[in-house]
């Protein structure tokens, strides 16, 4: 099964942010809440979850992914680890 690196995650998140929020993302650490603070919006959340599914070779439903799973880089990496097995 495929694995995704932290660098790949942050690069994808950066591409999904607006120019204004990209600076906020760059200043964030692995525990910074991204979606609930508005750094990443709900449209980007959907795009990101779709990208994760493609990278992991899985099709996620709304029941498989929660905001809490993807709200920080740290939680995203845990989600990836869980679904990479």
PDB file of N, CA and C in Angstrom:
ATOM      1  N   UNK A   1       0.841  -1.176   0.000  1.00  0.00           N
ATOM      2  CA  UNK A   1       0.000   0.000   0.000  1.00  0.00           C
ATOM      3  C   UNK A   1       0.890   1.245   0.000  1.00  0.00           C
ATOM      4  N   UNK A   2       0.408   2.296  -0.623  1.00  0.00           N
ATOM      5  CA  UNK A   2       1.171   3.538  -0.760  1.00  0.00           C
ATOM      6  C   UNK A   2       1.250   4.278   0.573  1.00  0.00           C
ATOM      7  N   UNK A   3       2.309   5.023   0.712  1.00  0.00           N
ATOM      8  CA  UNK A   3       2.435   5.896   1.867  1.00  0.00           C
ATOM      9  C   UNK A   3       2.671   7.316   1.355  1.00  0.00           C
ATOM     10  N   UNK A   4       2.331   8.265   2.171  1.00  0.00           N
ATOM     11  CA  UNK A   4       2.448   9.668   1.793  1.00  0.00           C
ATOM     12  C   UNK A   4       3.315  10.353   2.837  1.00  0.00           C
ATOM     13  N   UNK A   5       4.270  11.141   2.395  1.00  0.00           N
ATOM     14  CA  UNK A   5       5.166  11.830   3.321  1.00  0.00           C
ATOM     15  C   UNK A   5       4.543  13.137   3.812  1.00  0.00           C
ATOM     16  N   UNK A   6       5.086  13.630   4.906  1.00  0.00           N
ATOM     17  CA  UNK A   6       4.649  14.914   5.453  1.00  0.00           C
ATOM     18  C   UNK A   6       4.859  16.022   4.419  1.00  0.00           C
ATOM     19  N   UNK A   7       5.980  15.972   3.704  1.00  0.00           N
ATOM     20  CA  UNK A   7       6.249  16.992   2.687  1.00  0.00           C
ATOM     21  C   UNK A   7       5.198  16.975   1.588  1.00  0.00           C
ATOM     22  N   UNK A   8       4.767  15.790   1.177  1.00  0.00           N
ATOM     23  CA  UNK A   8       3.712  15.697   0.163  1.00  0.00           C
ATOM     24  C   UNK A   8       2.417  16.301   0.684  1.00  0.00           C
ATOM     25  N   UNK A   9       2.102  16.044   1.947  1.00  0.00           N
ATOM     26  CA  UNK A   9       0.891  16.586   2.561  1.00  0.00           C
ATOM     27  C   UNK A   9       0.946  18.101   2.589  1.00  0.00           C
ATOM     28  N   UNK A  10       2.040  18.659   3.081  1.00  0.00           N
ATOM     29  CA  UNK A  10       2.113  20.122   3.194  1.00  0.00           C
ATOM     30  C   UNK A  10       2.164  20.791   1.818  1.00  0.00           C
ATOM     31  N   UNK A  11       2.786  20.151   0.847  1.00  0.00           N
ATOM     32  CA  UNK A  11       2.800  20.706  -0.510  1.00  0.00           C
ATOM     33  C   UNK A  11       1.394  20.739  -1.080  1.00  0.00           C
ATOM     34  N   UNK A  12       0.641  19.649  -0.909  1.00  0.00           N
ATOM     35  CA  UNK A  12      -0.733  19.615  -1.409  1.00  0.00           C
ATOM     36  C   UNK A  12      -1.596  20.640  -0.691  1.00  0.00           C
ATOM     37  N   UNK A  13      -1.472  20.727   0.614  1.00  0.00           N
ATOM     38  CA  UNK A  13      -2.250  21.719   1.360  1.00  0.00           C
ATOM     39  C   UNK A  13      -1.928  23.133   0.892  1.00  0.00           C
ATOM     40  N   UNK A  14      -0.666  23.398   0.638  1.00  0.00           N
ATOM     41  CA  UNK A  14      -0.260  24.714   0.162  1.00  0.00           C
ATOM     42  C   UNK A  14      -0.920  25.044  -1.177  1.00  0.00           C
ATOM     43  N   UNK A  15      -0.999  24.047  -2.051  1.00  0.00           N
ATOM     44  CA  UNK A  15      -1.635  24.262  -3.354  1.00  0.00           C
ATOM     45  C   UNK A  15      -3.130  24.526  -3.228  1.00  0.00           C
ATOM     46  N   UNK A  16      -3.745  24.049  -2.158  1.00  0.00           N
ATOM     47  CA  UNK A  16      -5.182  24.211  -1.968  1.00  0.00           C
ATOM     48  C   UNK A  16      -5.554  25.500  -1.241  1.00  0.00           C
ATOM     49  N   UNK A  17      -4.564  26.204  -0.718  1.00  0.00           N
ATOM     50  CA  UNK A  17      -4.855  27.426   0.029  1.00  0.00           C
ATOM     51  C   UNK A  17      -4.862  28.643  -0.880  1.00  0.00           C
ATOM     52  N   UNK A  18      -5.530  29.666  -0.415  1.00  0.00           N
ATOM     53  CA  UNK A  18      -5.486  30.941  -1.121  1.00  0.00           C
ATOM     54  C   UNK A  18      -4.137  31.586  -0.854  1.00  0.00           C
ATOM     55  N   UNK A  19      -3.773  32.523  -1.668  1.00  0.00           N
ATOM     56  CA  UNK A  19      -2.488  33.217  -1.485  1.00  0.00           C
ATOM     57  C   UNK A  19      -2.393  33.806  -0.080  1.00  0.00           C
ATOM     58  N   UNK A  20      -3.477  34.391   0.395  1.00  0.00           N
ATOM     59  CA  UNK A  20      -3.507  35.009   1.730  1.00  0.00           C
ATOM     60  C   UNK A  20      -3.284  33.966   2.823  1.00  0.00           C
ATOM     61  N   UNK A  21      -3.910  32.798   2.678  1.00  0.00           N
ATOM     62  CA  UNK A  21      -3.792  31.779   3.715  1.00  0.00           C
ATOM     63  C   UNK A  21      -2.529  30.937   3.602  1.00  0.00           C
ATOM     64  N   UNK A  22      -1.845  31.015   2.489  1.00  0.00           N
ATOM     65  CA  UNK A  22      -0.605  30.247   2.319  1.00  0.00           C
ATOM     66  C   UNK A  22       0.425  30.666   3.374  1.00  0.00           C
ATOM     67  N   UNK A  23       0.474  31.944   3.687  1.00  0.00           N
ATOM     68  CA  UNK A  23       1.418  32.421   4.713  1.00  0.00           C
ATOM     69  C   UNK A  23       1.046  31.864   6.082  1.00  0.00           C
ATOM     70  N   UNK A  24      -0.260  31.771   6.357  1.00  0.00           N
ATOM     71  CA  UNK A  24      -0.703  31.176   7.620  1.00  0.00           C
ATOM     72  C   UNK A  24      -0.303  29.706   7.685  1.00  0.00           C
ATOM     73  N   UNK A  25      -0.442  29.020   6.562  1.00  0.00           N
ATOM     74  CA  UNK A  25      -0.066  27.610   6.511  1.00  0.00           C
ATOM     75  C   UNK A  25       1.432  27.445   6.732  1.00  0.00           C
ATOM     76  N   UNK A  26       2.222  28.295   6.107  1.00  0.00           N
ATOM     77  CA  UNK A  26       3.680  28.219   6.262  1.00  0.00           C
ATOM     78  C   UNK A  26       4.111  28.469   7.699  1.00  0.00           C
ATOM     79  N   UNK A  27       3.346  29.289   8.433  1.00  0.00           N
ATOM     80  CA  UNK A  27       3.664  29.594   9.820  1.00  0.00           C
ATOM     81  C   UNK A  27       3.141  28.532  10.789  1.00  0.00           C
ATOM     82  N   UNK A  28       2.304  27.630  10.290  1.00  0.00           N
ATOM     83  CA  UNK A  28       1.683  26.612  11.138  1.00  0.00           C
ATOM     84  C   UNK A  28       2.669  25.500  11.478  1.00  0.00           C
ATOM     85  N   UNK A  29       2.433  24.864  12.619  1.00  0.00           N
ATOM     86  CA  UNK A  29       3.193  23.665  12.950  1.00  0.00           C
ATOM     87  C   UNK A  29       2.274  22.456  12.793  1.00  0.00           C
ATOM     88  N   UNK A  30       2.747  21.285  13.146  1.00  0.00           N
ATOM     89  CA  UNK A  30       1.976  20.062  12.925  1.00  0.00           C
ATOM     90  C   UNK A  30       0.694  19.983  13.759  1.00  0.00           C
ATOM     91  N   UNK A  31       0.577  20.815  14.791  1.00  0.00           N
ATOM     92  CA  UNK A  31      -0.606  20.777  15.656  1.00  0.00           C
ATOM     93  C   UNK A  31      -1.567  21.932  15.408  1.00  0.00           C
ATOM     94  N   UNK A  32      -1.240  22.813  14.491  1.00  0.00           N
ATOM     95  CA  UNK A  32      -2.108  23.942  14.175  1.00  0.00           C
ATOM     96  C   UNK A  32      -3.374  23.449  13.492  1.00  0.00           C
ATOM     97  N   UNK A  33      -4.520  23.884  13.990  1.00  0.00           N
ATOM     98  CA  UNK A  33      -5.790  23.516  13.365  1.00  0.00           C
ATOM     99  C   UNK A  33      -5.924  24.275  12.055  1.00  0.00           C
ATOM    100  N   UNK A  34      -6.058  23.542  10.982  1.00  0.00           N
ATOM    101  CA  UNK A  34      -6.059  24.146   9.648  1.00  0.00           C
ATOM    102  C   UNK A  34      -7.459  24.480   9.146  1.00  0.00           C
ATOM    103  N   UNK A  35      -8.364  23.537   9.251  1.00  0.00           N
ATOM    104  CA  UNK A  35      -9.695  23.727   8.701  1.00  0.00           C
ATOM    105  C   UNK A  35     -10.582  24.505   9.667  1.00  0.00           C
ATOM    106  N   UNK A  36     -10.523  24.166  10.943  1.00  0.00           N
ATOM    107  CA  UNK A  36     -11.408  24.835  11.901  1.00  0.00           C
ATOM    108  C   UNK A  36     -11.013  26.289  12.146  1.00  0.00           C
ATOM    109  N   UNK A  37      -9.791  26.686  11.785  1.00  0.00           N
ATOM    110  CA  UNK A  37      -9.380  28.093  11.911  1.00  0.00           C
ATOM    111  C   UNK A  37      -9.482  28.847  10.592  1.00  0.00           C
ATOM    112  N   UNK A  38      -9.873  28.140   9.521  1.00  0.00           N
ATOM    113  CA  UNK A  38     -10.074  28.805   8.242  1.00  0.00           C
ATOM    114  C   UNK A  38      -8.857  28.895   7.347  1.00  0.00           C
ATOM    115  N   UNK A  39      -7.744  28.292   7.730  1.00  0.00           N
ATOM    116  CA  UNK A  39      -6.574  28.297   6.852  1.00  0.00           C
ATOM    117  C   UNK A  39      -6.911  27.548   5.560  1.00  0.00           C
ATOM    118  N   UNK A  40      -7.621  26.433   5.698  1.00  0.00           N
ATOM    119  CA  UNK A  40      -8.105  25.641   4.571  1.00  0.00           C
ATOM    120  C   UNK A  40      -9.628  25.655   4.642  1.00  0.00           C
ATOM    121  N   UNK A  41     -10.297  25.931   3.519  1.00  0.00           N
ATOM    122  CA  UNK A  41     -11.762  25.977   3.546  1.00  0.00           C
ATOM    123  C   UNK A  41     -12.381  24.617   3.232  1.00  0.00           C
ATOM    124  N   UNK A  42     -13.713  24.559   3.281  1.00  0.00           N
ATOM    125  CA  UNK A  42     -14.401  23.276   3.105  1.00  0.00           C
ATOM    126  C   UNK A  42     -14.216  22.696   1.706  1.00  0.00           C
ATOM    127  N   UNK A  43     -14.100  23.542   0.701  1.00  0.00           N
ATOM    128  CA  UNK A  43     -13.854  23.037  -0.655  1.00  0.00           C
ATOM    129  C   UNK A  43     -12.484  22.385  -0.740  1.00  0.00           C
ATOM    130  N   UNK A  44     -11.505  23.005  -0.111  1.00  0.00           N
ATOM    131  CA  UNK A  44     -10.160  22.438  -0.089  1.00  0.00           C
ATOM    132  C   UNK A  44     -10.149  21.131   0.696  1.00  0.00           C
ATOM    133  N   UNK A  45     -10.954  21.053   1.746  1.00  0.00           N
ATOM    134  CA  UNK A  45     -11.041  19.822   2.539  1.00  0.00           C
ATOM    135  C   UNK A  45     -11.503  18.664   1.661  1.00  0.00           C
ATOM    136  N   UNK A  46     -12.512  18.892   0.849  1.00  0.00           N
ATOM    137  CA  UNK A  46     -13.016  17.849  -0.046  1.00  0.00           C
ATOM    138  C   UNK A  46     -11.951  17.471  -1.066  1.00  0.00           C
ATOM    139  N   UNK A  47     -11.308  18.464  -1.660  1.00  0.00           N
ATOM    140  CA  UNK A  47     -10.240  18.190  -2.627  1.00  0.00           C
ATOM    141  C   UNK A  47      -9.101  17.405  -1.974  1.00  0.00           C
ATOM    142  N   UNK A  48      -8.762  17.784  -0.758  1.00  0.00           N
ATOM    143  CA  UNK A  48      -7.670  17.117  -0.058  1.00  0.00           C
ATOM    144  C   UNK A  48      -8.029  15.665   0.255  1.00  0.00           C
ATOM    145  N   UNK A  49      -9.247  15.425   0.743  1.00  0.00           N
ATOM    146  CA  UNK A  49      -9.682  14.060   1.046  1.00  0.00           C
ATOM    147  C   UNK A  49      -9.699  13.202  -0.218  1.00  0.00           C
ATOM    148  N   UNK A  50     -10.111  13.778  -1.338  1.00  0.00           N
ATOM    149  CA  UNK A  50     -10.107  13.056  -2.613  1.00  0.00           C
ATOM    150  C   UNK A  50      -8.679  12.711  -3.017  1.00  0.00           C
ATOM    151  N   UNK A  51      -7.781  13.674  -2.876  1.00  0.00           N
ATOM    152  CA  UNK A  51      -6.364  13.445  -3.186  1.00  0.00           C
ATOM    153  C   UNK A  51      -5.797  12.330  -2.311  1.00  0.00           C
ATOM    154  N   UNK A  52      -6.115  12.369  -1.012  1.00  0.00           N
ATOM    155  CA  UNK A  52      -5.635  11.318  -0.110  1.00  0.00           C
ATOM    156  C   UNK A  52      -6.106   9.948  -0.571  1.00  0.00           C
ATOM    157  N   UNK A  53      -7.373   9.859  -0.924  1.00  0.00           N
ATOM    158  CA  UNK A  53      -7.915   8.590  -1.392  1.00  0.00           C
ATOM    159  C   UNK A  53      -7.187   8.070  -2.614  1.00  0.00           C
ATOM    160  N   UNK A  54      -6.929   8.952  -3.559  1.00  0.00           N
ATOM    161  CA  UNK A  54      -6.208   8.546  -4.771  1.00  0.00           C
ATOM    162  C   UNK A  54      -4.791   8.089  -4.441  1.00  0.00           C
ATOM    163  N   UNK A  55      -4.113   8.839  -3.594  1.00  0.00           N
ATOM    164  CA  UNK A  55      -2.731   8.492  -3.231  1.00  0.00           C
ATOM    165  C   UNK A  55      -2.663   7.170  -2.471  1.00  0.00           C
ATOM    166  N   UNK A  56      -3.687   6.901  -1.659  1.00  0.00           N
ATOM    167  CA  UNK A  56      -3.699   5.683  -0.859  1.00  0.00           C
ATOM    168  C   UNK A  56      -4.373   4.518  -1.579  1.00  0.00           C
ATOM    169  N   UNK A  57      -4.947   4.795  -2.743  1.00  0.00           N
ATOM    170  CA  UNK A  57      -5.628   3.744  -3.492  1.00  0.00           C
ATOM    171  C   UNK A  57      -6.925   3.311  -2.840  1.00  0.00           C
ATOM    172  N   UNK A  58      -7.593   4.255  -2.168  1.00  0.00           N
ATOM    173  CA  UNK A  58      -8.844   3.959  -1.471  1.00  0.00           C
ATOM    174  C   UNK A  58      -9.909   4.974  -1.864  1.00  0.00           C
ATOM    175  N   UNK A  59     -11.128   4.551  -1.740  1.00  0.00           N
ATOM    176  CA  UNK A  59     -12.253   5.451  -1.974  1.00  0.00           C
ATOM    177  C   UNK A  59     -12.916   5.706  -0.624  1.00  0.00           C
ATOM    178  N   UNK A  60     -12.803   6.925  -0.133  1.00  0.00           N
ATOM    179  CA  UNK A  60     -13.355   7.269   1.171  1.00  0.00           C
ATOM    180  C   UNK A  60     -14.770   7.811   1.020  1.00  0.00           C
ATOM    181  N   UNK A  61     -15.632   7.451   1.959  1.00  0.00           N
ATOM    182  CA  UNK A  61     -16.973   8.026   2.031  1.00  0.00           C
ATOM    183  C   UNK A  61     -16.967   9.073   3.136  1.00  0.00           C
ATOM    184  N   UNK A  62     -18.064   9.790   3.254  1.00  0.00           N
ATOM    185  CA  UNK A  62     -18.173  10.804   4.309  1.00  0.00           C
ATOM    186  C   UNK A  62     -18.052  10.177   5.693  1.00  0.00           C
ATOM    187  N   UNK A  63     -18.419   8.910   5.826  1.00  0.00           N
ATOM    188  CA  UNK A  63     -18.301   8.222   7.111  1.00  0.00           C
ATOM    189  C   UNK A  63     -16.859   7.840   7.447  1.00  0.00           C
ATOM    190  N   UNK A  64     -16.015   7.773   6.431  1.00  0.00           N
ATOM    191  CA  UNK A  64     -14.624   7.361   6.631  1.00  0.00           C
ATOM    192  C   UNK A  64     -13.714   8.497   7.081  1.00  0.00           C
ATOM    193  N   UNK A  65     -14.081   9.721   6.754  1.00  0.00           N
ATOM    194  CA  UNK A  65     -13.220  10.876   7.003  1.00  0.00           C
ATOM    195  C   UNK A  65     -13.994  11.925   7.786  1.00  0.00           C
ATOM    196  N   UNK A  66     -13.390  12.386   8.878  1.00  0.00           N
ATOM    197  CA  UNK A  66     -14.008  13.460   9.653  1.00  0.00           C
ATOM    198  C   UNK A  66     -13.103  14.687   9.642  1.00  0.00           C
ATOM    199  N   UNK A  67     -13.665  15.806   9.990  1.00  0.00           N
ATOM    200  CA  UNK A  67     -12.872  17.026  10.105  1.00  0.00           C
ATOM    201  C   UNK A  67     -11.740  16.821  11.101  1.00  0.00           C
ATOM    202  N   UNK A  68     -12.028  16.127  12.182  1.00  0.00           N
ATOM    203  CA  UNK A  68     -11.004  15.893  13.196  1.00  0.00           C
ATOM    204  C   UNK A  68      -9.824  15.100  12.629  1.00  0.00           C
ATOM    205  N   UNK A  69     -10.105  14.180  11.707  1.00  0.00           N
ATOM    206  CA  UNK A  69      -9.031  13.387  11.093  1.00  0.00           C
ATOM    207  C   UNK A  69      -8.059  14.256  10.297  1.00  0.00           C
ATOM    208  N   UNK A  70      -8.562  15.355   9.745  1.00  0.00           N
ATOM    209  CA  UNK A  70      -7.762  16.133   8.796  1.00  0.00           C
ATOM    210  C   UNK A  70      -7.509  17.573   9.238  1.00  0.00           C
ATOM    211  N   UNK A  71      -7.747  17.887  10.505  1.00  0.00           N
ATOM    212  CA  UNK A  71      -7.658  19.278  10.941  1.00  0.00           C
ATOM    213  C   UNK A  71      -6.238  19.749  11.230  1.00  0.00           C
ATOM    214  N   UNK A  72      -5.312  18.835  11.441  1.00  0.00           N
ATOM    215  CA  UNK A  72      -3.915  19.213  11.650  1.00  0.00           C
ATOM    216  C   UNK A  72      -3.028  18.275  10.833  1.00  0.00           C
ATOM    217  N   UNK A  73      -1.827  18.710  10.562  1.00  0.00           N
ATOM    218  CA  UNK A  73      -0.885  17.850   9.837  1.00  0.00           C
ATOM    219  C   UNK A  73      -0.608  16.598  10.665  1.00  0.00           C
ATOM    220  N   UNK A  74      -0.497  16.747  11.965  1.00  0.00           N
ATOM    221  CA  UNK A  74      -0.254  15.603  12.837  1.00  0.00           C
ATOM    222  C   UNK A  74      -1.374  14.563  12.699  1.00  0.00           C
ATOM    223  N   UNK A  75      -2.623  15.003  12.731  1.00  0.00           N
ATOM    224  CA  UNK A  75      -3.758  14.085  12.595  1.00  0.00           C
ATOM    225  C   UNK A  75      -3.827  13.487  11.193  1.00  0.00           C
ATOM    226  N   UNK A  76      -3.474  14.277  10.194  1.00  0.00           N
ATOM    227  CA  UNK A  76      -3.449  13.766   8.819  1.00  0.00           C
ATOM    228  C   UNK A  76      -2.459  12.621   8.708  1.00  0.00           C
ATOM    229  N   UNK A  77      -1.296  12.772   9.307  1.00  0.00           N
ATOM    230  CA  UNK A  77      -0.277  11.729   9.236  1.00  0.00           C
ATOM    231  C   UNK A  77      -0.733  10.460   9.962  1.00  0.00           C
ATOM    232  N   UNK A  78      -1.463  10.610  11.061  1.00  0.00           N
ATOM    233  CA  UNK A  78      -2.028   9.450  11.771  1.00  0.00           C
ATOM    234  C   UNK A  78      -3.077   8.777  10.877  1.00  0.00           C
ATOM    235  N   UNK A  79      -3.920   9.569  10.237  1.00  0.00           N
ATOM    236  CA  UNK A  79      -4.935   9.045   9.322  1.00  0.00           C
ATOM    237  C   UNK A  79      -4.276   8.265   8.184  1.00  0.00           C
ATOM    238  N   UNK A  80      -3.235   8.828   7.628  1.00  0.00           N
ATOM    239  CA  UNK A  80      -2.513   8.164   6.533  1.00  0.00           C
ATOM    240  C   UNK A  80      -1.932   6.834   6.995  1.00  0.00           C
ATOM    241  N   UNK A  81      -1.304   6.861   8.176  1.00  0.00           N
ATOM    242  CA  UNK A  81      -0.721   5.633   8.717  1.00  0.00           C
ATOM    243  C   UNK A  81      -1.798   4.563   8.917  1.00  0.00           C
ATOM    244  N   UNK A  82      -2.919   4.960   9.448  1.00  0.00           N
ATOM    245  CA  UNK A  82      -4.033   4.028   9.702  1.00  0.00           C
ATOM    246  C   UNK A  82      -4.555   3.413   8.402  1.00  0.00           C
ATOM    247  N   UNK A  83      -4.628   4.208   7.356  1.00  0.00           N
ATOM    248  CA  UNK A  83      -5.212   3.739   6.094  1.00  0.00           C
ATOM    249  C   UNK A  83      -4.165   3.217   5.109  1.00  0.00           C
ATOM    250  N   UNK A  84      -2.915   3.241   5.493  1.00  0.00           N
ATOM    251  CA  UNK A  84      -1.859   2.702   4.633  1.00  0.00           C
ATOM    252  C   UNK A  84      -1.642   1.216   4.877  1.00  0.00           C
ATOM    253  N   UNK A  85      -2.272   0.685   5.881  1.00  0.00           N
ATOM    254  CA  UNK A  85      -2.037  -0.713   6.264  1.00  0.00           C
ATOM    255  C   UNK A  85      -3.039  -1.630   5.621  1.00  0.00           C
TER     256      UNK A  85
END
